[in-house]
Amino acid sequence: MKRACFATIILLVFATTLSAEKKDVTITAADGFALKGTLYSAGKIGPGILLLHQCNADRQIYDTLGTMLSAAGYNALTLDFRGFGGSKNAQFPDLASARDKMPGDVDAAFQFLTTQGLVNKTVLGVIGGSCGVNQAIQAARRHPEVKTLVLLSGGTDGDGEMFIKNAAKMPIFGAASEEDTNAAASIKKIVGLSTNRDSQITMLKGAGHAASMFEKEPDLQADIVIWFRTNLPVSGYAVLPSLK
């Protein structure tokens, strides 16, 4: 994606000045398990965005991006998958113990997000990194209100690939780093399958894996926000404290 320097500066200013109504939340899964998340409110009605982390991190890896999205007018929710961050206990200490619970837990996060008063539940986006890529795509299969996906360094299964191929109305933004060979190939394949003419891919070099790329390529976060502003429109920006 072409870097938009002025837009990047504006977004960063909003992100640093916004008293983002950022709060930690508890999301109850279908089996009663308490999932932990963070809600970044725009302070106004706008689309919702769910951020799904990679499996070598937790929701904190999206903290800056969540703030930037809320500054840009989106109500964003990060989720700790079961077995990660604040969503682990003796029964579910890691990914291996909780992998089968992922789809249901993502659905619980969707339910939580769409019941927030400021979320336009008919217009949603999802960001997925690494293992979260497949979860993001499968969530879009189950939730037609998802209008666009941002996918970082990951792949999907045959059903996910078929969905992408047939989802002509859903633009996809993919990103990966060239040396992250398998993940890069997977992202290239997914974006290549998309029949939406607005879908695009950003390939980086030496940037790392999934959301960890933000550390070496911080402009990627601004690119993602600009992507949503283009493909998941919202009127205006968030309400700053002095204007409330």
C-alpha atoms as a PDB file:
ATOM      1  CA  MET A   1       0.000   0.000   0.000  1.00  0.00           C
ATOM      2  CA  LYS A   2       1.276   3.458  -0.855  1.00  0.00           C
ATOM      3  CA  ARG A   3       2.413   5.267   2.285  1.00  0.00           C
ATOM      4  CA  ALA A   4       0.251   8.267   3.041  1.00  0.00           C
ATOM      5  CA  CYS A   5       2.572  10.338   5.226  1.00  0.00           C
ATOM      6  CA  PHE A   6       0.109  13.083   6.075  1.00  0.00           C
ATOM      7  CA  ALA A   7      -2.604  10.602   6.958  1.00  0.00           C
ATOM      8  CA  THR A   8      -0.123   8.650   9.069  1.00  0.00           C
ATOM      9  CA  ILE A   9       0.802  11.742  11.058  1.00  0.00           C
ATOM     10  CA  ILE A  10      -2.850  12.634  11.623  1.00  0.00           C
ATOM     11  CA  LEU A  11      -3.670   9.132  12.813  1.00  0.00           C
ATOM     12  CA  LEU A  12      -0.724   9.077  15.189  1.00  0.00           C
ATOM     13  CA  VAL A  13      -1.711  12.453  16.621  1.00  0.00           C
ATOM     14  CA  PHE A  14      -5.216  11.205  17.263  1.00  0.00           C
ATOM     15  CA  ALA A  15      -3.860   7.983  18.744  1.00  0.00           C
ATOM     16  CA  THR A  16      -1.639   9.810  21.204  1.00  0.00           C
ATOM     17  CA  THR A  17      -4.161  12.483  22.221  1.00  0.00           C
ATOM     18  CA  LEU A  18      -7.295  10.397  22.458  1.00  0.00           C
ATOM     19  CA  SER A  19      -8.348   9.387  25.935  1.00  0.00           C
ATOM     20  CA  ALA A  20      -9.479   6.195  24.303  1.00  0.00           C
ATOM     21  CA  GLU A  21     -12.181   4.698  26.396  1.00  0.00           C
ATOM     22  CA  LYS A  22      -9.967   1.689  26.687  1.00  0.00           C
ATOM     23  CA  LYS A  23     -11.132  -0.834  29.225  1.00  0.00           C
ATOM     24  CA  ASP A  24     -10.430  -4.452  30.005  1.00  0.00           C
ATOM     25  CA  VAL A  25     -13.503  -6.648  29.671  1.00  0.00           C
ATOM     26  CA  THR A  26     -14.606 -10.187  30.426  1.00  0.00           C
ATOM     27  CA  ILE A  27     -16.341 -12.152  27.668  1.00  0.00           C
ATOM     28  CA  THR A  28     -18.299 -15.223  28.683  1.00  0.00           C
ATOM     29  CA  ALA A  29     -17.863 -18.162  26.310  1.00  0.00           C
ATOM     30  CA  ALA A  30     -20.656 -20.626  25.557  1.00  0.00           C
ATOM     31  CA  ASP A  31     -19.336 -23.038  28.206  1.00  0.00           C
ATOM     32  CA  GLY A  32     -19.068 -20.271  30.803  1.00  0.00           C
ATOM     33  CA  PHE A  33     -15.303 -19.794  30.504  1.00  0.00           C
ATOM     34  CA  ALA A  34     -14.159 -16.228  31.190  1.00  0.00           C
ATOM     35  CA  LEU A  35     -12.239 -14.802  28.226  1.00  0.00           C
ATOM     36  CA  LYS A  36     -10.322 -11.576  28.677  1.00  0.00           C
ATOM     37  CA  GLY A  37     -10.333  -8.756  26.170  1.00  0.00           C
ATOM     38  CA  THR A  38      -9.819  -5.021  25.807  1.00  0.00           C
ATOM     39  CA  LEU A  39     -12.423  -2.715  24.285  1.00  0.00           C
ATOM     40  CA  TYR A  40     -11.202   0.446  22.563  1.00  0.00           C
ATOM     41  CA  SER A  41     -14.213   2.712  22.164  1.00  0.00           C
ATOM     42  CA  ALA A  42     -14.410   5.516  19.622  1.00  0.00           C
ATOM     43  CA  GLY A  43     -16.867   7.316  21.884  1.00  0.00           C
ATOM     44  CA  LYS A  44     -19.392   7.406  19.032  1.00  0.00           C
ATOM     45  CA  ILE A  45     -21.357   5.011  16.867  1.00  0.00           C
ATOM     46  CA  GLY A  46     -19.152   3.291  14.324  1.00  0.00           C
ATOM     47  CA  PRO A  47     -18.150  -0.054  12.837  1.00  0.00           C
ATOM     48  CA  GLY A  48     -16.705  -2.757  15.050  1.00  0.00           C
ATOM     49  CA  ILE A  49     -13.335  -4.417  14.491  1.00  0.00           C
ATOM     50  CA  LEU A  50     -12.218  -7.655  16.161  1.00  0.00           C
ATOM     51  CA  LEU A  51      -8.469  -8.262  16.481  1.00  0.00           C
ATOM     52  CA  LEU A  52      -7.252 -11.867  16.782  1.00  0.00           C
ATOM     53  CA  HIS A  53      -3.664 -12.372  17.906  1.00  0.00           C
ATOM     54  CA  GLN A  54      -0.973 -14.798  16.795  1.00  0.00           C
ATOM     55  CA  CYS A  55      -0.202 -17.887  18.862  1.00  0.00           C
ATOM     56  CA  ASN A  56       3.175 -16.692  20.135  1.00  0.00           C
ATOM     57  CA  ALA A  57       1.666 -13.563  21.718  1.00  0.00           C
ATOM     58  CA  ASP A  58      -1.524 -12.308  23.333  1.00  0.00           C
ATOM     59  CA  ARG A  59      -3.913  -9.399  22.856  1.00  0.00           C
ATOM     60  CA  GLN A  60      -1.368  -6.854  24.128  1.00  0.00           C
ATOM     61  CA  ILE A  61       0.434  -7.030  20.790  1.00  0.00           C
ATOM     62  CA  TYR A  62      -2.469  -5.025  19.334  1.00  0.00           C
ATOM     63  CA  ASP A  63      -2.586  -2.311  21.987  1.00  0.00           C
ATOM     64  CA  THR A  64      -1.236   0.512  19.820  1.00  0.00           C
ATOM     65  CA  LEU A  65      -3.288  -0.535  16.799  1.00  0.00           C
ATOM     66  CA  GLY A  66      -6.435  -0.802  18.904  1.00  0.00           C
ATOM     67  CA  THR A  67      -5.900   2.760  20.114  1.00  0.00           C
ATOM     68  CA  MET A  68      -5.273   3.992  16.571  1.00  0.00           C
ATOM     69  CA  LEU A  69      -8.432   2.302  15.312  1.00  0.00           C
ATOM     70  CA  SER A  70     -10.542   3.864  18.041  1.00  0.00           C
ATOM     71  CA  ALA A  71      -9.013   7.246  17.204  1.00  0.00           C
ATOM     72  CA  ALA A  72     -10.076   6.723  13.599  1.00  0.00           C
ATOM     73  CA  GLY A  73     -13.695   6.131  14.612  1.00  0.00           C
ATOM     74  CA  TYR A  74     -13.836   2.361  15.088  1.00  0.00           C
ATOM     75  CA  ASN A  75     -14.887   0.416  18.158  1.00  0.00           C
ATOM     76  CA  ALA A  76     -12.177  -2.228  18.439  1.00  0.00           C
ATOM     77  CA  LEU A  77     -12.018  -5.357  20.573  1.00  0.00           C
ATOM     78  CA  THR A  78      -8.910  -7.419  21.249  1.00  0.00           C
ATOM     79  CA  LEU A  79      -9.304 -10.929  22.633  1.00  0.00           C
ATOM     80  CA  ASP A  80      -6.984 -13.280  24.473  1.00  0.00           C
ATOM     81  CA  PHE A  81      -7.588 -16.695  22.959  1.00  0.00           C
ATOM     82  CA  ARG A  82      -8.227 -19.368  25.555  1.00  0.00           C
ATOM     83  CA  GLY A  83      -4.865 -20.535  26.876  1.00  0.00           C
ATOM     84  CA  PHE A  84      -3.218 -17.124  26.340  1.00  0.00           C
ATOM     85  CA  GLY A  85      -2.732 -13.964  28.378  1.00  0.00           C
ATOM     86  CA  GLY A  86      -5.587 -13.444  30.799  1.00  0.00           C
ATOM     87  CA  SER A  87      -7.647 -16.291  29.304  1.00  0.00           C
ATOM     88  CA  LYS A  88      -5.745 -19.203  30.806  1.00  0.00           C
ATOM     89  CA  ASN A  89      -6.178 -21.406  33.842  1.00  0.00           C
ATOM     90  CA  ALA A  90      -5.145 -24.865  34.997  1.00  0.00           C
ATOM     91  CA  GLN A  91      -7.543 -26.524  32.549  1.00  0.00           C
ATOM     92  CA  PHE A  92      -6.509 -24.379  29.582  1.00  0.00           C
ATOM     93  CA  PRO A  93      -2.845 -23.427  30.056  1.00  0.00           C
ATOM     94  CA  ASP A  94      -1.829 -23.269  26.392  1.00  0.00           C
ATOM     95  CA  LEU A  95      -2.866 -23.545  22.742  1.00  0.00           C
ATOM     96  CA  ALA A  96      -2.825 -27.344  22.618  1.00  0.00           C
ATOM     97  CA  SER A  97      -5.424 -27.573  25.371  1.00  0.00           C
ATOM     98  CA  ALA A  98      -7.750 -24.991  23.850  1.00  0.00           C
ATOM     99  CA  ARG A  99      -7.414 -25.128  20.055  1.00  0.00           C
ATOM    100  CA  ASP A 100     -10.845 -26.717  19.562  1.00  0.00           C
ATOM    101  CA  LYS A 101     -12.436 -23.908  21.566  1.00  0.00           C
ATOM    102  CA  MET A 102     -11.172 -21.150  19.270  1.00  0.00           C
ATOM    103  CA  PRO A 103     -14.165 -20.873  16.890  1.00  0.00           C
ATOM    104  CA  GLY A 104     -16.705 -20.731  19.702  1.00  0.00           C
ATOM    105  CA  ASP A 105     -14.618 -18.240  21.642  1.00  0.00           C
ATOM    106  CA  VAL A 106     -14.337 -16.016  18.565  1.00  0.00           C
ATOM    107  CA  ASP A 107     -18.122 -16.182  18.195  1.00  0.00           C
ATOM    108  CA  ALA A 108     -18.468 -15.149  21.846  1.00  0.00           C
ATOM    109  CA  ALA A 109     -16.235 -12.154  21.136  1.00  0.00           C
ATOM    110  CA  PHE A 110     -18.410 -11.236  18.144  1.00  0.00           C
ATOM    111  CA  GLN A 111     -21.504 -11.464  20.316  1.00  0.00           C
ATOM    112  CA  PHE A 112     -19.907  -9.208  22.913  1.00  0.00           C
ATOM    113  CA  LEU A 113     -18.728  -6.677  20.340  1.00  0.00           C
ATOM    114  CA  THR A 114     -22.039  -6.433  18.511  1.00  0.00           C
ATOM    115  CA  THR A 115     -24.009  -5.878  21.708  1.00  0.00           C
ATOM    116  CA  GLN A 116     -22.005  -2.768  22.585  1.00  0.00           C
ATOM    117  CA  GLY A 117     -24.208   0.284  22.207  1.00  0.00           C
ATOM    118  CA  LEU A 118     -21.791   2.234  19.998  1.00  0.00           C
ATOM    119  CA  VAL A 119     -21.070  -0.594  17.557  1.00  0.00           C
ATOM    120  CA  ASN A 120     -22.791  -0.679  14.187  1.00  0.00           C
ATOM    121  CA  LYS A 121     -23.265  -4.435  14.210  1.00  0.00           C
ATOM    122  CA  THR A 122     -24.030  -4.613  10.486  1.00  0.00           C
ATOM    123  CA  VAL A 123     -20.571  -3.354   9.476  1.00  0.00           C
ATOM    124  CA  LEU A 124     -17.631  -5.256  10.959  1.00  0.00           C
ATOM    125  CA  GLY A 125     -13.997  -5.977  10.180  1.00  0.00           C
ATOM    126  CA  VAL A 126     -11.567  -8.588  11.484  1.00  0.00           C
ATOM    127  CA  ILE A 127      -7.788  -8.587  11.830  1.00  0.00           C
ATOM    128  CA  GLY A 128      -6.000 -11.905  12.213  1.00  0.00           C
ATOM    129  CA  GLY A 129      -2.324 -12.681  12.719  1.00  0.00           C
ATOM    130  CA  SER A 130      -0.678 -16.074  12.093  1.00  0.00           C
ATOM    131  CA  CYS A 131      -2.973 -18.689  13.695  1.00  0.00           C
ATOM    132  CA  GLY A 132      -5.526 -15.889  13.912  1.00  0.00           C
ATOM    133  CA  VAL A 133      -5.671 -15.666  10.101  1.00  0.00           C
ATOM    134  CA  ASN A 134      -7.662 -18.873   9.757  1.00  0.00           C
ATOM    135  CA  GLN A 135      -9.868 -17.896  12.698  1.00  0.00           C
ATOM    136  CA  ALA A 136     -10.563 -14.526  11.045  1.00  0.00           C
ATOM    137  CA  ILE A 137     -11.512 -16.137   7.742  1.00  0.00           C
ATOM    138  CA  GLN A 138     -13.703 -18.775   9.375  1.00  0.00           C
ATOM    139  CA  ALA A 139     -15.397 -16.051  11.418  1.00  0.00           C
ATOM    140  CA  ALA A 140     -16.175 -14.159   8.210  1.00  0.00           C
ATOM    141  CA  ARG A 141     -17.750 -17.352   6.844  1.00  0.00           C
ATOM    142  CA  ARG A 142     -20.057 -17.520   9.853  1.00  0.00           C
ATOM    143  CA  HIS A 143     -20.762 -13.792  10.131  1.00  0.00           C
ATOM    144  CA  PRO A 144     -21.896 -12.098   6.900  1.00  0.00           C
ATOM    145  CA  GLU A 145     -21.724  -8.718   8.618  1.00  0.00           C
ATOM    146  CA  VAL A 146     -17.920  -8.925   8.243  1.00  0.00           C
ATOM    147  CA  LYS A 147     -17.171  -6.668   5.281  1.00  0.00           C
ATOM    148  CA  THR A 148     -13.358  -6.755   5.128  1.00  0.00           C
ATOM    149  CA  LEU A 149     -10.382  -8.700   6.490  1.00  0.00           C
ATOM    150  CA  VAL A 150      -6.808  -7.774   7.375  1.00  0.00           C
ATOM    151  CA  LEU A 151      -4.596 -10.867   7.422  1.00  0.00           C
ATOM    152  CA  LEU A 152      -1.013 -10.976   8.685  1.00  0.00           C
ATOM    153  CA  SER A 153       1.414 -13.848   8.056  1.00  0.00           C
ATOM    154  CA  GLY A 154      -0.826 -16.878   8.059  1.00  0.00           C
ATOM    155  CA  GLY A 155      -2.883 -19.345   6.071  1.00  0.00           C
ATOM    156  CA  THR A 156      -6.229 -21.086   6.035  1.00  0.00           C
ATOM    157  CA  ASP A 157      -7.753 -24.455   5.110  1.00  0.00           C
ATOM    158  CA  GLY A 158      -9.592 -25.558   1.984  1.00  0.00           C
ATOM    159  CA  ASP A 159     -12.936 -24.248   3.192  1.00  0.00           C
ATOM    160  CA  GLY A 160     -11.359 -20.904   3.977  1.00  0.00           C
ATOM    161  CA  GLU A 161      -9.743 -20.714   0.553  1.00  0.00           C
ATOM    162  CA  MET A 162     -13.045 -21.497  -1.157  1.00  0.00           C
ATOM    163  CA  PHE A 163     -14.765 -18.814   0.900  1.00  0.00           C
ATOM    164  CA  ILE A 164     -12.165 -16.216  -0.081  1.00  0.00           C
ATOM    165  CA  LYS A 165     -12.515 -17.156  -3.744  1.00  0.00           C
ATOM    166  CA  ASN A 166     -16.291 -16.751  -3.616  1.00  0.00           C
ATOM    167  CA  ALA A 167     -16.390 -13.614  -1.432  1.00  0.00           C
ATOM    168  CA  ALA A 168     -16.202 -11.164  -4.320  1.00  0.00           C
ATOM    169  CA  LYS A 169     -17.668  -8.305  -2.288  1.00  0.00           C
ATOM    170  CA  MET A 170     -15.114  -8.574   0.530  1.00  0.00           C
ATOM    171  CA  PRO A 171     -11.773  -6.781   0.017  1.00  0.00           C
ATOM    172  CA  ILE A 172      -8.764  -8.307   1.759  1.00  0.00           C
ATOM    173  CA  PHE A 173      -5.548  -6.683   2.896  1.00  0.00           C
ATOM    174  CA  GLY A 174      -2.684  -9.102   3.415  1.00  0.00           C
ATOM    175  CA  ALA A 175       0.824  -8.503   4.737  1.00  0.00           C
ATOM    176  CA  ALA A 176       3.854 -10.652   5.481  1.00  0.00           C
ATOM    177  CA  SER A 177       7.634 -10.511   5.469  1.00  0.00           C
ATOM    178  CA  GLU A 178       9.489 -12.253   2.643  1.00  0.00           C
ATOM    179  CA  GLU A 179      11.882 -14.193   4.896  1.00  0.00           C
ATOM    180  CA  ASP A 180       8.892 -15.629   6.797  1.00  0.00           C
ATOM    181  CA  THR A 181       8.692 -18.076   3.912  1.00  0.00           C
ATOM    182  CA  ASN A 182       5.653 -20.238   4.644  1.00  0.00           C
ATOM    183  CA  ALA A 183       3.560 -17.401   6.027  1.00  0.00           C
ATOM    184  CA  ALA A 184       4.461 -15.179   3.082  1.00  0.00           C
ATOM    185  CA  ALA A 185       3.449 -17.893   0.623  1.00  0.00           C
ATOM    186  CA  SER A 186       0.161 -18.400   2.454  1.00  0.00           C
ATOM    187  CA  ILE A 187      -0.714 -14.707   2.402  1.00  0.00           C
ATOM    188  CA  LYS A 188       0.164 -14.442  -1.282  1.00  0.00           C
ATOM    189  CA  LYS A 189      -2.110 -17.402  -1.994  1.00  0.00           C
ATOM    190  CA  ILE A 190      -5.034 -16.003  -0.001  1.00  0.00           C
ATOM    191  CA  VAL A 191      -4.889 -12.556  -1.573  1.00  0.00           C
ATOM    192  CA  GLY A 192      -4.382 -14.165  -4.978  1.00  0.00           C
ATOM    193  CA  LEU A 193      -7.591 -16.147  -4.518  1.00  0.00           C
ATOM    194  CA  SER A 194      -9.628 -13.032  -3.792  1.00  0.00           C
ATOM    195  CA  THR A 195     -11.758 -11.885  -6.715  1.00  0.00           C
ATOM    196  CA  ASN A 196     -12.311  -8.457  -5.200  1.00  0.00           C
ATOM    197  CA  ARG A 197     -10.371  -5.952  -7.291  1.00  0.00           C
ATOM    198  CA  ASP A 198      -9.581  -3.830  -4.223  1.00  0.00           C
ATOM    199  CA  SER A 199      -7.766  -6.643  -2.405  1.00  0.00           C
ATOM    200  CA  GLN A 200      -4.072  -5.972  -2.008  1.00  0.00           C
ATOM    201  CA  ILE A 201      -0.911  -7.279  -0.421  1.00  0.00           C
ATOM    202  CA  THR A 202       2.087  -5.651   1.239  1.00  0.00           C
ATOM    203  CA  MET A 203       5.290  -7.677   1.262  1.00  0.00           C
ATOM    204  CA  LEU A 204       8.036  -6.516   3.615  1.00  0.00           C
ATOM    205  CA  LYS A 205      11.631  -7.600   4.203  1.00  0.00           C
ATOM    206  CA  GLY A 206      13.230  -8.480   7.525  1.00  0.00           C
ATOM    207  CA  ALA A 207      10.107  -7.448   9.432  1.00  0.00           C
ATOM    208  CA  GLY A 208       9.287 -10.631  11.321  1.00  0.00           C
ATOM    209  CA  HIS A 209       6.004 -12.457  11.818  1.00  0.00           C
ATOM    210  CA  ALA A 210       2.393 -11.240  11.969  1.00  0.00           C
ATOM    211  CA  ALA A 211       1.779  -8.332  14.371  1.00  0.00           C
ATOM    212  CA  SER A 212       5.413  -8.510  15.470  1.00  0.00           C
ATOM    213  CA  MET A 213       6.095  -6.746  12.160  1.00  0.00           C
ATOM    214  CA  PHE A 214       4.765  -3.538  13.723  1.00  0.00           C
ATOM    215  CA  GLU A 215       7.976  -3.165  15.736  1.00  0.00           C
ATOM    216  CA  LYS A 216      10.205  -2.891  12.661  1.00  0.00           C
ATOM    217  CA  GLU A 217       7.542  -1.501  10.323  1.00  0.00           C
ATOM    218  CA  PRO A 218       5.371   0.831  12.448  1.00  0.00           C
ATOM    219  CA  ASP A 219       3.846   2.386   9.325  1.00  0.00           C
ATOM    220  CA  LEU A 220       2.098  -0.935   8.734  1.00  0.00           C
ATOM    221  CA  GLN A 221      -0.291  -0.070  11.558  1.00  0.00           C
ATOM    222  CA  ALA A 222      -1.160   3.236   9.904  1.00  0.00           C
ATOM    223  CA  ASP A 223      -1.610   1.412   6.593  1.00  0.00           C
ATOM    224  CA  ILE A 224      -4.119  -0.891   8.280  1.00  0.00           C
ATOM    225  CA  VAL A 225      -6.078   2.034   9.698  1.00  0.00           C
ATOM    226  CA  ILE A 226      -6.088   3.733   6.293  1.00  0.00           C
ATOM    227  CA  TRP A 227      -7.265   0.450   4.765  1.00  0.00           C
ATOM    228  CA  PHE A 228     -10.245   0.359   7.087  1.00  0.00           C
ATOM    229  CA  ARG A 229     -11.025   4.036   6.466  1.00  0.00           C
ATOM    230  CA  THR A 230     -11.199   3.189   2.760  1.00  0.00           C
ATOM    231  CA  ASN A 231     -12.976  -0.162   2.927  1.00  0.00           C
ATOM    232  CA  LEU A 232     -15.038   0.087   6.114  1.00  0.00           C
ATOM    233  CA  PRO A 233     -16.104   3.746   6.013  1.00  0.00           C
ATOM    234  CA  VAL A 234     -16.978   5.704   9.105  1.00  0.00           C
ATOM    235  CA  SER A 235     -18.035   9.317   9.391  1.00  0.00           C
ATOM    236  CA  GLY A 236     -15.414  11.537  11.034  1.00  0.00           C
ATOM    237  CA  TYR A 237     -12.983  10.563  13.776  1.00  0.00           C
ATOM    238  CA  ALA A 238     -13.358   9.725  17.427  1.00  0.00           C
ATOM    239  CA  VAL A 239     -14.555  12.306  19.916  1.00  0.00           C
ATOM    240  CA  LEU A 240     -11.588  13.875  21.687  1.00  0.00           C
ATOM    241  CA  PRO A 241     -11.872  14.568  25.421  1.00  0.00           C
ATOM    242  CA  SER A 242     -12.028  18.350  24.973  1.00  0.00           C
ATOM    243  CA  LEU A 243     -14.913  17.991  22.546  1.00  0.00           C
ATOM    244  CA  LYS A 244     -17.087  15.652  24.611  1.00  0.00           C
END
